[in-house]
Amino acid sequence: MDSVPALEAREVDFEQTVDVVVVGLGVAGASAVVAARQTGAKVLAVERSGGPGGTSANSGGLIYLGGGTALQDACGFDDSPENMATFLKAALGPGADDDRIEAYCDGSPDHFDWLVSIGVPFRAEFCDEPNRESVDDAGLLFSGGEDAYPFDEIALPAPRAHKPRYTDSAGGFLMERLGAAVSDSGARVESDARADALVVDDGEVVGVQVSGDEGTRAIRARGGVILATGGFIHNDAMVAEHCPRAHVPDPVWRIGTPNDDGRGIRMGVGAGAATTRLDVFECALPLGPPHRLARGILVDRHGERFINEDAYTGRIGRDALLDQDGFVYMITDDVIHERNLVGLRVGYAAATPEELAVDIGVPPDALARTVAEYNEAAARGEDPVFHKRAPFLQPIGVPPASGIGAVDLRVDHGAIYATFTLGGLVTDADGAALTDTGTPVPGLYAAGRTAASLAARYYVSGISLGDGSFFGRRAGGHAARRAR
């Protein structure tokens, strides 16, 4: 990866001085701006596009929060920071940062209240269709497999996806509210401007060089610069270098905007910050809604199951792409199957598993054995190998079904494998960027997908908006206090 070298302060003439510069106005940057302004800091926000939004505006709007938020309480669900942390350490790992997870879980109820206080509304209603935002404006749902094996045996299942009060996808609405909060804060926002390089003085980040309608100029930041420019899913060279298996055939399903080009990460590295887990990415394989499609089974090229089908779709997608090389079929029948949100269709049908196996190119004896063993256990309401829950256990291809079928989920045959990057700059619990030795780079902060996600290997829906807003807020407050 080519870094963007920092400029030395002696090489530039600062045209303006503020307390905090925030680069990028997605959920992380907007939260940083508002938090810094709440301390009275003088803040300049620099945004490459026409205004607040970024990838956050194109998201479903789920914000992963818990530990006993007011919304969880209102919907009748018990949770605690300890319970939330137990789940996240198991679900996001291995290699998750325990200190940052614990800070996030401990501060989660207060962070929810803060979002409400700056104008983000939520309706106290639970939606029982997991993994994707509610189609109405219900505010709480499961989004990370908390109620599926093995996590339902590790921690008390609790829904933690908090969706702003908006029908269906709420990312745009969330950013409208945060954009209004930025505007109301009195921060100066410079749109259609790009941060070119950080400015350092004896290893300390003291400002940033910006190009825009006013030309190229250097801005001094007394408290620090916060990088919140997104990830790098649209930088082909970085993806090919660090996580080539995220480079799925259809670029439409790379989740991000063209500005997710890794520039913030490269600027941070140029100022001495370390990176971590650049090879980690999320890869959702949307099998639902409706979640009842999990009554089918997923098989690999050997005709064998590899996961419990009621698991979080991001976990299914990552395992399907990385462990199964994107060679996956869903085995179903005409009783179980229905069109899902993205229109999955049965592409193959046969009278027996053996005949179906020939059509889809897997070993006939293996598929027949897989289906027979699954059906026998499902008839008893059991799944001893993969522990799928009883509501999703239904024998496949037996009367009243007229036969057995398969949905083609192979990565090179048009199935959706929606990806985005999760690696980035190493940061602490205040959003401060760290060096290879674990010491802070003075004056430098990162949040959102510019920083390494809490998701160290696996993802849960809503953690990007959750940790982006949470650590962006903390970075804004910390940089503002540093300016004083």
Protein backbone atom coordinates (compact mmCIF):
# COMPACT_ATOMS: atom_id res chain seq x y z
CA MET A 1 0.00 0.00 0.00
CA ASP A 2 1.35 3.41 -0.98
CA SER A 3 1.03 5.89 1.87
CA VAL A 4 0.31 9.59 1.46
CA PRO A 5 3.41 11.20 3.00
CA ALA A 6 2.75 13.88 5.59
CA LEU A 7 4.00 17.39 4.98
CA GLU A 8 6.33 19.10 7.43
CA ALA A 9 4.92 22.19 9.11
CA ARG A 10 7.95 24.23 8.07
CA GLU A 11 7.05 23.51 4.43
CA VAL A 12 3.57 25.07 4.56
CA ASP A 13 1.94 28.37 5.43
CA PHE A 14 -1.18 27.90 7.55
CA GLU A 15 -4.02 30.09 6.34
CA GLN A 16 -6.44 29.22 9.14
CA THR A 17 -6.35 27.83 12.67
CA VAL A 18 -9.14 25.86 14.35
CA ASP A 19 -9.33 23.51 17.29
CA VAL A 20 -10.37 20.37 15.41
CA VAL A 21 -10.48 19.39 11.74
CA VAL A 22 -12.79 16.50 10.84
CA VAL A 23 -12.20 14.91 7.43
CA GLY A 24 -15.33 13.15 6.14
CA LEU A 25 -18.99 13.58 7.09
CA GLY A 26 -20.45 10.13 7.28
CA VAL A 27 -21.81 8.88 10.59
CA ALA A 28 -18.37 8.92 12.26
CA GLY A 29 -17.34 12.36 11.09
CA ALA A 30 -20.72 13.94 11.81
CA SER A 31 -20.70 12.51 15.33
CA ALA A 32 -17.16 13.82 15.85
CA VAL A 33 -18.17 17.31 14.72
CA VAL A 34 -21.18 17.50 17.02
CA ALA A 35 -19.28 16.13 20.02
CA ALA A 36 -16.39 18.56 19.52
CA ARG A 37 -18.76 21.49 19.17
CA GLN A 38 -20.58 20.46 22.37
CA THR A 39 -17.35 21.25 24.23
CA GLY A 40 -17.17 24.68 22.62
CA ALA A 41 -14.35 23.81 20.23
CA LYS A 42 -13.90 25.62 16.93
CA VAL A 43 -14.43 22.92 14.29
CA LEU A 44 -13.91 22.70 10.54
CA ALA A 45 -15.36 19.73 8.66
CA VAL A 46 -13.98 18.86 5.23
CA GLU A 47 -16.15 16.69 2.95
CA ARG A 48 -15.27 15.52 -0.58
CA SER A 49 -18.89 15.32 -1.74
CA GLY A 50 -21.63 17.92 -1.61
CA GLY A 51 -22.57 17.38 2.03
CA PRO A 52 -22.98 14.90 4.89
CA GLY A 53 -23.87 11.32 4.01
CA GLY A 54 -21.24 9.03 2.60
CA THR A 55 -21.76 5.28 2.73
CA SER A 56 -23.75 5.76 5.93
CA ALA A 57 -26.55 7.40 3.96
CA ASN A 58 -26.80 4.35 1.68
CA SER A 59 -27.01 1.88 4.55
CA GLY A 60 -30.05 0.28 6.13
CA GLY A 61 -29.60 2.55 9.12
CA LEU A 62 -29.10 -0.13 11.78
CA ILE A 63 -27.04 1.10 14.74
CA TYR A 64 -25.69 -1.71 16.93
CA LEU A 65 -26.21 -0.65 20.54
CA GLY A 66 -27.14 -2.48 23.72
CA GLY A 67 -26.24 -3.06 27.31
CA GLY A 68 -29.69 -1.94 28.45
CA THR A 69 -30.61 1.01 26.22
CA ALA A 70 -33.84 2.87 26.80
CA LEU A 71 -35.20 1.33 23.60
CA GLN A 72 -34.38 -2.21 24.72
CA ASP A 73 -36.07 -1.53 28.05
CA ALA A 74 -39.15 -0.09 26.37
CA CYS A 75 -39.45 -3.17 24.15
CA GLY A 76 -39.14 -5.55 27.14
CA PHE A 77 -35.65 -6.97 26.54
CA ASP A 78 -33.04 -7.48 29.25
CA ASP A 79 -29.42 -6.75 28.42
CA SER A 80 -26.29 -5.57 30.20
CA PRO A 81 -22.89 -4.27 29.10
CA GLU A 82 -21.33 -7.53 30.29
CA ASN A 83 -23.79 -9.66 28.32
CA MET A 84 -23.32 -7.53 25.22
CA ALA A 85 -19.53 -7.73 25.53
CA THR A 86 -19.64 -11.51 25.94
CA PHE A 87 -21.57 -11.82 22.69
CA LEU A 88 -19.43 -9.36 20.71
CA LYS A 89 -16.13 -10.87 21.79
CA ALA A 90 -17.34 -14.25 20.55
CA ALA A 91 -19.16 -13.03 17.43
CA LEU A 92 -16.61 -10.50 16.14
CA GLY A 93 -13.45 -12.51 16.80
CA PRO A 94 -11.04 -14.11 16.89
CA GLY A 95 -8.63 -11.29 17.58
CA ALA A 96 -11.21 -8.73 18.68
CA ASP A 97 -9.97 -5.80 20.76
CA ASP A 98 -11.41 -6.53 24.20
CA ASP A 99 -10.65 -3.07 25.60
CA ARG A 100 -12.46 -1.25 22.80
CA ILE A 101 -15.39 -3.68 22.94
CA GLU A 102 -15.77 -3.18 26.68
CA ALA A 103 -15.62 0.61 26.32
CA TYR A 104 -18.24 0.40 23.57
CA CYS A 105 -20.57 -1.82 25.57
CA ASP A 106 -20.18 0.17 28.79
CA GLY A 107 -20.97 3.41 26.98
CA SER A 108 -23.67 2.06 24.70
CA PRO A 109 -26.79 3.04 26.72
CA ASP A 110 -25.50 6.59 27.13
CA HIS A 111 -24.61 6.77 23.44
CA PHE A 112 -28.16 5.85 22.49
CA ASP A 113 -29.45 8.67 24.72
CA TRP A 114 -26.97 11.04 23.07
CA LEU A 115 -28.23 10.17 19.59
CA VAL A 116 -31.78 10.86 20.72
CA SER A 117 -30.67 14.15 22.29
CA ILE A 118 -29.20 15.43 19.01
CA GLY A 119 -32.34 14.64 17.04
CA VAL A 120 -32.35 10.96 16.00
CA PRO A 121 -35.79 9.46 16.86
CA PHE A 122 -36.64 5.79 17.47
CA ARG A 123 -39.98 4.00 17.83
CA ALA A 124 -40.21 1.50 20.67
CA GLU A 125 -41.37 -1.50 18.65
CA PHE A 126 -39.65 -4.86 18.11
CA CYS A 127 -39.45 -6.37 14.60
CA ASP A 128 -39.18 -10.18 14.54
CA GLU A 129 -37.66 -10.37 11.02
CA PRO A 130 -33.91 -10.43 11.71
CA ASN A 131 -30.76 -9.46 9.81
CA ARG A 132 -32.28 -6.64 7.80
CA GLU A 133 -33.94 -3.36 8.73
CA SER A 134 -37.69 -3.46 9.42
CA VAL A 135 -39.97 -2.65 6.49
CA ASP A 136 -41.92 -0.28 8.73
CA ASP A 137 -40.47 2.11 11.30
CA ALA A 138 -40.07 -0.43 14.12
CA GLY A 139 -36.92 0.42 16.01
CA LEU A 140 -35.40 -2.80 17.40
CA LEU A 141 -34.43 -6.16 15.90
CA PHE A 142 -31.88 -8.97 15.96
CA SER A 143 -29.08 -8.35 13.48
CA GLY A 144 -26.09 -10.53 14.30
CA GLY A 145 -27.26 -14.07 15.02
CA GLU A 146 -27.57 -13.41 18.75
CA ASP A 147 -30.48 -15.87 18.93
CA ALA A 148 -28.82 -18.60 16.83
CA TYR A 149 -26.20 -21.25 17.64
CA PRO A 150 -23.57 -20.99 19.04
CA PHE A 151 -24.20 -17.51 20.41
CA ASP A 152 -27.54 -18.32 22.04
CA GLU A 153 -25.54 -20.64 24.32
CA ILE A 154 -22.78 -18.09 24.99
CA ALA A 155 -24.80 -15.03 25.98
CA LEU A 156 -28.43 -14.18 26.70
CA PRO A 157 -29.95 -13.33 23.29
CA ALA A 158 -30.94 -9.69 23.06
CA PRO A 159 -31.82 -7.61 19.98
CA ARG A 160 -29.41 -4.70 19.57
CA ALA A 161 -30.01 -3.28 16.10
CA HIS A 162 -31.50 0.17 16.74
CA LYS A 163 -33.15 1.63 13.64
CA PRO A 164 -34.15 5.31 13.47
CA ARG A 165 -37.86 5.97 13.09
CA TYR A 166 -38.18 5.72 9.33
CA THR A 167 -39.90 3.26 7.02
CA ASP A 168 -37.60 0.60 5.53
CA SER A 169 -33.95 1.62 4.96
CA ALA A 170 -33.13 4.43 7.36
CA GLY A 171 -29.52 5.32 6.51
CA GLY A 172 -30.47 8.39 4.51
CA PHE A 173 -32.82 9.59 7.23
CA LEU A 174 -30.15 9.03 9.91
CA MET A 175 -27.68 11.17 7.98
CA GLU A 176 -30.32 13.85 7.43
CA ARG A 177 -30.72 14.08 11.20
CA LEU A 178 -26.97 14.04 11.85
CA GLY A 179 -26.43 16.57 9.07
CA ALA A 180 -28.98 18.83 10.75
CA ALA A 181 -27.15 18.38 14.06
CA VAL A 182 -23.86 19.37 12.38
CA SER A 183 -25.54 22.45 10.92
CA ASP A 184 -27.14 23.39 14.24
CA SER A 185 -23.80 22.97 16.01
CA GLY A 186 -22.31 25.98 14.27
CA ALA A 187 -19.34 24.07 12.86
CA ARG A 188 -17.96 25.30 9.57
CA VAL A 189 -18.44 22.75 6.78
CA GLU A 190 -16.41 22.88 3.59
CA SER A 191 -17.95 20.61 0.95
CA ASP A 192 -16.48 19.51 -2.38
CA ALA A 193 -13.05 19.67 -0.78
CA ARG A 194 -10.43 16.95 -0.43
CA ALA A 195 -7.82 16.48 2.26
CA ASP A 196 -4.53 15.98 0.41
CA ALA A 197 -2.09 15.27 3.25
CA LEU A 198 -1.60 15.64 6.96
CA VAL A 199 0.83 18.21 8.29
CA VAL A 200 3.22 17.20 11.07
CA ASP A 201 5.67 18.96 13.35
CA ASP A 202 8.23 16.76 15.08
CA GLY A 203 5.91 13.74 14.76
CA GLU A 204 2.78 15.55 15.95
CA VAL A 205 -0.14 16.03 13.55
CA VAL A 206 -0.78 19.76 13.62
CA GLY A 207 -2.98 20.24 10.58
CA VAL A 208 -4.03 19.18 7.12
CA GLN A 209 -3.63 20.39 3.55
CA VAL A 210 -6.95 20.75 1.72
CA SER A 211 -7.86 21.32 -1.94
CA GLY A 212 -11.18 22.83 -2.91
CA ASP A 213 -12.87 25.76 -4.60
CA GLU A 214 -10.60 28.10 -2.66
CA GLY A 215 -7.48 26.39 -4.00
CA THR A 216 -4.95 24.44 -1.96
CA ARG A 217 -4.21 25.62 1.55
CA ALA A 218 -3.03 24.38 4.92
CA ILE A 219 -5.21 24.49 8.04
CA ARG A 220 -3.76 24.23 11.52
CA ALA A 221 -5.63 22.13 14.09
CA ARG A 222 -4.73 22.82 17.72
CA GLY A 223 -6.41 19.70 19.09
CA GLY A 224 -6.07 17.31 16.22
CA VAL A 225 -7.28 15.97 12.91
CA ILE A 226 -9.96 13.26 12.83
CA LEU A 227 -9.92 11.03 9.74
CA ALA A 228 -13.37 9.65 8.93
CA THR A 229 -13.09 9.13 5.18
CA GLY A 230 -14.44 5.58 4.91
CA GLY A 231 -12.85 2.30 3.88
CA PHE A 232 -11.16 1.15 0.67
CA ILE A 233 -13.59 -1.19 -1.11
CA HIS A 234 -13.44 1.03 -4.22
CA ASN A 235 -9.64 1.09 -4.39
CA ASP A 236 -8.94 -1.85 -6.69
CA ALA A 237 -5.22 -1.86 -5.96
CA MET A 238 -5.68 -1.94 -2.18
CA VAL A 239 -8.35 -4.63 -2.39
CA ALA A 240 -6.19 -6.75 -4.68
CA GLU A 241 -3.22 -6.34 -2.31
CA HIS A 242 -4.92 -6.90 1.02
CA CYS A 243 -8.18 -8.81 0.56
CA PRO A 244 -8.39 -10.05 -3.04
CA ARG A 245 -11.15 -12.53 -2.23
CA ALA A 246 -13.41 -9.59 -1.43
CA HIS A 247 -13.05 -8.57 -5.08
CA VAL A 248 -16.29 -10.20 -6.17
CA PRO A 249 -17.18 -10.35 -9.86
CA ASP A 250 -20.01 -7.80 -9.74
CA PRO A 251 -18.71 -4.39 -8.56
CA VAL A 252 -22.31 -3.29 -7.96
CA TRP A 253 -22.23 -5.25 -4.72
CA ARG A 254 -19.17 -3.55 -3.29
CA ILE A 255 -20.84 -1.57 -0.53
CA GLY A 256 -19.54 1.99 -0.46
CA THR A 257 -19.21 5.18 -2.44
CA PRO A 258 -16.40 6.06 -4.88
CA ASN A 259 -14.84 8.02 -2.02
CA ASP A 260 -14.22 4.74 -0.17
CA ASP A 261 -10.80 4.70 -1.79
CA GLY A 262 -8.59 4.30 1.28
CA ARG A 263 -7.19 7.82 1.18
CA GLY A 264 -7.71 8.46 4.90
CA ILE A 265 -5.95 5.21 5.78
CA ARG A 266 -3.04 6.07 3.50
CA MET A 267 -2.79 9.57 4.99
CA GLY A 268 -2.72 8.10 8.48
CA VAL A 269 0.06 5.69 7.55
CA GLY A 270 2.01 8.62 6.07
CA ALA A 271 1.91 10.30 9.48
CA GLY A 272 3.15 7.22 11.35
CA ALA A 273 -0.08 5.38 12.21
CA ALA A 274 -0.28 1.60 12.09
CA THR A 275 -2.89 -0.48 10.30
CA THR A 276 -4.44 -3.79 11.19
CA ARG A 277 -6.65 -6.46 9.63
CA LEU A 278 -6.66 -4.95 6.14
CA ASP A 279 -7.50 -8.44 4.86
CA VAL A 280 -10.80 -8.59 6.77
CA PHE A 281 -14.09 -7.81 5.06
CA GLU A 282 -17.80 -8.35 5.51
CA CYS A 283 -19.58 -10.47 2.92
CA ALA A 284 -23.34 -10.81 3.28
CA LEU A 285 -25.24 -13.47 1.32
CA PRO A 286 -28.86 -12.30 1.59
CA LEU A 287 -31.04 -15.40 1.93
CA GLY A 288 -33.90 -13.49 3.47
CA PRO A 289 -36.19 -11.95 4.36
CA PRO A 290 -38.27 -13.91 4.97
CA HIS A 291 -36.09 -15.68 7.52
CA ARG A 292 -38.27 -18.79 7.23
CA LEU A 293 -36.26 -19.65 4.09
CA ALA A 294 -33.72 -20.96 6.62
CA ARG A 295 -35.79 -24.15 6.57
CA GLY A 296 -33.77 -25.07 3.50
CA ILE A 297 -30.21 -26.36 3.83
CA LEU A 298 -26.96 -25.05 2.38
CA VAL A 299 -24.53 -27.49 0.80
CA ASP A 300 -21.02 -27.17 -0.59
CA ARG A 301 -19.33 -28.76 -3.62
CA HIS A 302 -19.14 -32.02 -1.68
CA GLY A 303 -22.92 -32.11 -1.18
CA GLU A 304 -22.53 -31.52 2.56
CA ARG A 305 -23.83 -28.88 4.95
CA PHE A 306 -21.31 -26.43 6.44
CA ILE A 307 -23.32 -24.10 8.72
CA ASN A 308 -26.64 -23.68 10.52
CA GLU A 309 -28.87 -21.94 8.02
CA ASP A 310 -30.55 -19.71 10.63
CA ALA A 311 -27.19 -18.01 11.31
CA TYR A 312 -26.57 -14.34 10.55
CA THR A 313 -26.35 -13.87 6.78
CA GLY A 314 -23.00 -12.12 7.05
CA ARG A 315 -21.51 -15.15 8.77
CA ILE A 316 -23.03 -17.42 6.12
CA GLY A 317 -21.74 -15.24 3.28
CA ARG A 318 -18.19 -15.00 4.60
CA ASP A 319 -17.95 -18.75 5.19
CA ALA A 320 -19.50 -19.45 1.78
CA LEU A 321 -17.02 -17.20 -0.03
CA LEU A 322 -13.85 -17.96 1.91
CA ASP A 323 -14.28 -21.53 3.14
CA GLN A 324 -16.39 -22.89 0.28
CA ASP A 325 -14.84 -20.81 -2.52
CA GLY A 326 -18.26 -19.43 -3.38
CA PHE A 327 -19.61 -22.87 -4.41
CA VAL A 328 -22.90 -23.11 -2.52
CA TYR A 329 -26.44 -24.28 -3.25
CA MET A 330 -29.55 -23.97 -1.13
CA ILE A 331 -31.52 -27.24 -1.18
CA THR A 332 -35.24 -26.66 -0.82
CA ASP A 333 -38.64 -27.76 -2.14
CA ASP A 334 -41.89 -26.24 -3.36
CA VAL A 335 -43.37 -26.16 0.14
CA ILE A 336 -40.45 -24.35 1.76
CA HIS A 337 -39.32 -22.03 -1.01
CA GLU A 338 -40.70 -18.59 -1.81
CA ARG A 339 -39.32 -15.49 -3.48
CA ASN A 340 -37.19 -13.55 -1.06
CA LEU A 341 -36.31 -9.86 -1.01
CA VAL A 342 -33.74 -10.18 -3.82
CA GLY A 343 -35.78 -12.64 -5.85
CA LEU A 344 -33.91 -15.91 -5.36
CA ARG A 345 -35.37 -18.59 -7.61
CA VAL A 346 -35.17 -22.36 -7.72
CA GLY A 347 -32.97 -23.08 -10.70
CA TYR A 348 -32.95 -26.88 -10.55
CA ALA A 349 -35.66 -29.41 -9.65
CA ALA A 350 -35.73 -33.19 -9.53
CA ALA A 351 -37.63 -36.10 -8.04
CA THR A 352 -34.76 -37.33 -5.85
CA PRO A 353 -31.59 -35.92 -4.24
CA GLU A 354 -29.49 -38.19 -6.47
CA GLU A 355 -31.02 -36.75 -9.63
CA LEU A 356 -30.67 -33.20 -8.30
CA ALA A 357 -27.01 -33.82 -7.45
CA VAL A 358 -26.23 -34.75 -11.05
CA ASP A 359 -27.81 -31.50 -12.25
CA ILE A 360 -25.87 -29.26 -9.84
CA GLY A 361 -22.55 -31.09 -10.03
CA VAL A 362 -22.13 -32.53 -6.54
CA PRO A 363 -21.64 -36.21 -5.53
CA PRO A 364 -25.06 -37.96 -5.68
CA ASP A 365 -24.38 -40.32 -2.78
CA ALA A 366 -23.18 -37.47 -0.56
CA LEU A 367 -26.18 -35.23 -1.25
CA ALA A 368 -28.58 -38.13 -0.74
CA ARG A 369 -26.94 -38.94 2.58
CA THR A 370 -26.95 -35.28 3.68
CA VAL A 371 -30.65 -34.87 2.92
CA ALA A 372 -31.60 -38.20 4.49
CA GLU A 373 -29.71 -37.52 7.72
CA TYR A 374 -31.06 -34.00 7.92
CA ASN A 375 -34.66 -35.11 7.29
CA GLU A 376 -34.48 -37.87 9.88
CA ALA A 377 -33.28 -35.49 12.58
CA ALA A 378 -35.59 -32.65 11.50
CA ALA A 379 -38.61 -34.94 11.81
CA ARG A 380 -37.64 -35.28 15.49
CA GLY A 381 -37.16 -31.50 15.81
CA GLU A 382 -33.39 -31.88 16.13
CA ASP A 383 -30.22 -30.81 14.31
CA PRO A 384 -27.42 -32.54 16.22
CA VAL A 385 -24.60 -31.45 13.91
CA PHE A 386 -25.29 -27.76 13.27
CA HIS A 387 -27.92 -26.95 15.92
CA LYS A 388 -30.39 -25.08 13.76
CA ARG A 389 -33.35 -24.02 15.88
CA ALA A 390 -36.57 -26.01 15.90
CA PRO A 391 -38.73 -23.43 14.06
CA PHE A 392 -36.53 -23.88 11.00
CA LEU A 393 -36.34 -27.67 11.01
CA GLN A 394 -38.53 -29.17 8.31
CA PRO A 395 -37.82 -32.28 6.20
CA ILE A 396 -37.02 -31.43 2.58
CA GLY A 397 -38.44 -33.08 -0.53
CA VAL A 398 -41.04 -35.23 1.22
CA PRO A 399 -44.85 -35.07 0.77
CA PRO A 400 -46.66 -32.76 0.44
CA ALA A 401 -43.65 -31.42 -1.50
CA SER A 402 -43.60 -32.70 -5.08
CA GLY A 403 -39.81 -33.08 -5.25
CA ILE A 404 -36.58 -31.36 -4.34
CA GLY A 405 -34.90 -28.28 -5.76
CA ALA A 406 -31.80 -26.11 -5.57
CA VAL A 407 -31.12 -22.37 -5.59
CA ASP A 408 -27.77 -21.54 -7.21
CA LEU A 409 -25.74 -19.40 -4.80
CA ARG A 410 -22.38 -19.75 -6.52
CA VAL A 411 -20.39 -16.52 -6.53
CA ASP A 412 -19.69 -16.67 -10.25
CA HIS A 413 -23.29 -17.41 -11.22
CA GLY A 414 -24.99 -14.18 -10.21
CA ALA A 415 -25.56 -14.66 -6.48
CA ILE A 416 -25.18 -11.53 -4.37
CA TYR A 417 -22.07 -11.41 -2.20
CA ALA A 418 -22.20 -7.89 -0.77
CA THR A 419 -18.77 -6.82 0.50
CA PHE A 420 -17.03 -3.95 2.25
CA THR A 421 -13.71 -3.62 4.04
CA LEU A 422 -13.27 -3.72 7.82
CA GLY A 423 -9.54 -3.11 8.31
CA GLY A 424 -7.95 0.27 8.87
CA LEU A 425 -5.90 2.39 11.24
CA VAL A 426 -5.24 1.07 14.75
CA THR A 427 -7.00 3.23 17.34
CA ASP A 428 -7.63 3.23 21.08
CA ALA A 429 -10.89 3.66 22.95
CA ASP A 430 -10.78 7.45 22.40
CA GLY A 431 -10.27 7.13 18.66
CA ALA A 432 -6.61 8.15 18.86
CA ALA A 433 -4.49 6.62 16.08
CA LEU A 434 -1.66 4.41 17.31
CA THR A 435 1.81 3.57 16.01
CA ASP A 436 3.23 0.08 15.55
CA THR A 437 4.43 0.22 19.17
CA GLY A 438 0.97 1.09 20.49
CA THR A 439 1.72 4.70 21.36
CA PRO A 440 -0.58 7.49 20.09
CA VAL A 441 0.32 9.58 17.08
CA PRO A 442 -0.12 12.99 18.77
CA GLY A 443 -2.97 14.92 17.23
CA LEU A 444 -4.27 12.15 14.98
CA TYR A 445 -7.62 10.36 15.32
CA ALA A 446 -9.60 7.97 13.13
CA ALA A 447 -13.15 6.62 13.22
CA GLY A 448 -15.63 4.78 11.05
CA ARG A 449 -14.18 2.52 8.37
CA THR A 450 -10.96 4.54 8.27
CA ALA A 451 -10.23 2.90 11.63
CA ALA A 452 -10.12 -0.86 12.05
CA SER A 453 -13.61 -2.04 12.92
CA LEU A 454 -14.56 -3.75 16.15
CA ALA A 455 -15.30 -6.64 13.78
CA ALA A 456 -11.98 -8.48 13.83
CA ARG A 457 -13.06 -11.35 11.59
CA TYR A 458 -16.85 -11.58 11.52
CA TYR A 459 -19.43 -8.81 11.39
CA VAL A 460 -22.83 -8.09 12.87
CA SER A 461 -25.19 -5.74 11.07
CA GLY A 462 -25.16 -2.28 12.59
CA ILE A 463 -21.66 -2.39 14.06
CA SER A 464 -20.33 0.05 11.43
CA LEU A 465 -22.85 2.78 12.29
CA GLY A 466 -22.53 1.82 15.94
CA ASP A 467 -18.78 1.96 16.42
CA GLY A 468 -18.46 4.76 13.84
CA SER A 469 -20.78 7.09 15.72
CA PHE A 470 -19.53 5.97 19.15
CA PHE A 471 -15.79 6.33 18.55
CA GLY A 472 -16.31 9.33 16.28
CA ARG A 473 -18.08 11.03 19.16
CA ARG A 474 -15.28 10.09 21.55
CA ALA A 475 -12.60 11.26 19.13
CA GLY A 476 -14.36 14.60 18.72
CA GLY A 477 -14.55 15.13 22.45
CA HIS A 478 -10.96 14.03 23.05
CA ALA A 479 -9.50 16.23 20.30
CA ALA A 480 -11.52 19.20 21.55
CA ARG A 481 -10.23 18.75 25.09
CA ARG A 482 -6.70 18.38 23.75
CA ALA A 483 -7.05 21.76 22.05
CA ARG A 484 -7.65 23.36 25.44
